[in-house]
Amino acid sequence: MSTAPEHPHGWTPQPPATVEELRATLTRIAPDAVATFDAERAAAVARAREQVCSAPMHRFLRQWAL
């Protein structure tokens, strides 16, 4: 007996735009992109700390959530 896919047409729904959910989805559907995601996240965190501003993290999340 086979297991039905999570979604009827095999597509993956848009995950919530959080670092954890986006990374979990990438791990599942595009594992080769996780290293890039992690590197870009680290750079965004560094910029946010340097600027004392959350804008770099917002841009990072918006970019990866698209």
Protein backbone atom coordinates (compact mmCIF):
# COMPACT_ATOMS: atom_id res chain seq x y z
CA MET A 1 0.00 0.00 0.00
CA SER A 2 1.43 3.38 -0.96
CA THR A 3 1.29 6.52 1.10
CA ALA A 4 -0.63 9.43 -0.34
CA PRO A 5 1.42 12.59 -0.86
CA GLU A 6 1.02 15.37 1.69
CA HIS A 7 -0.68 17.47 -0.96
CA PRO A 8 -2.85 16.12 -3.76
CA HIS A 9 -0.70 17.32 -6.67
CA GLY A 10 2.69 16.77 -5.04
CA TRP A 11 3.38 20.49 -4.63
CA THR A 12 4.80 22.03 -1.50
CA PRO A 13 2.80 24.89 -0.02
CA GLN A 14 4.44 28.20 0.80
CA PRO A 15 5.93 27.80 4.29
CA PRO A 16 5.54 30.54 6.88
CA ALA A 17 8.26 33.16 6.40
CA THR A 18 10.34 32.18 9.40
CA VAL A 19 13.96 31.10 9.30
CA GLU A 20 13.10 27.73 10.81
CA GLU A 21 10.22 26.91 8.44
CA LEU A 22 12.04 28.11 5.33
CA ARG A 23 15.14 26.08 6.22
CA ALA A 24 13.07 22.98 6.96
CA THR A 25 11.33 23.28 3.60
CA LEU A 26 14.64 23.81 1.79
CA THR A 27 16.08 20.75 3.50
CA ARG A 28 13.20 18.74 2.09
CA ILE A 29 12.89 20.14 -1.44
CA ALA A 30 16.30 21.66 -2.26
CA PRO A 31 18.98 20.30 0.08
CA ASP A 32 21.75 21.69 -2.11
CA ALA A 33 20.51 25.23 -1.36
CA VAL A 34 20.76 24.90 2.43
CA ALA A 35 24.43 25.94 2.55
CA THR A 36 23.66 29.11 0.57
CA PHE A 37 20.66 29.81 2.81
CA ASP A 38 22.81 29.42 5.93
CA ALA A 39 25.58 31.65 4.55
CA GLU A 40 23.15 34.37 3.50
CA ARG A 41 21.39 34.14 6.86
CA ALA A 42 24.70 34.56 8.71
CA ALA A 43 25.53 37.60 6.57
CA ALA A 44 22.08 39.11 7.21
CA VAL A 45 22.44 38.56 10.96
CA ALA A 46 25.87 40.22 10.91
CA ARG A 47 24.51 43.23 8.99
CA ALA A 48 21.52 43.48 11.35
CA ARG A 49 23.82 43.51 14.37
CA GLU A 50 26.20 45.97 12.76
CA GLN A 51 23.36 48.33 11.81
CA VAL A 52 21.33 47.67 14.98
CA CYS A 53 18.40 47.23 12.65
CA SER A 54 16.15 44.33 11.69
CA ALA A 55 15.87 45.38 8.02
CA PRO A 56 18.62 43.01 6.78
CA MET A 57 16.78 40.04 8.30
CA HIS A 58 13.48 41.19 6.82
CA ARG A 59 15.09 41.42 3.37
CA PHE A 60 16.67 37.99 3.80
CA LEU A 61 13.35 36.39 4.78
CA ARG A 62 11.46 38.14 1.99
CA GLN A 63 14.05 37.01 -0.58
CA TRP A 64 13.92 33.37 0.48
CA ALA A 65 10.16 33.30 0.99
CA LEU A 66 9.47 34.12 -2.66
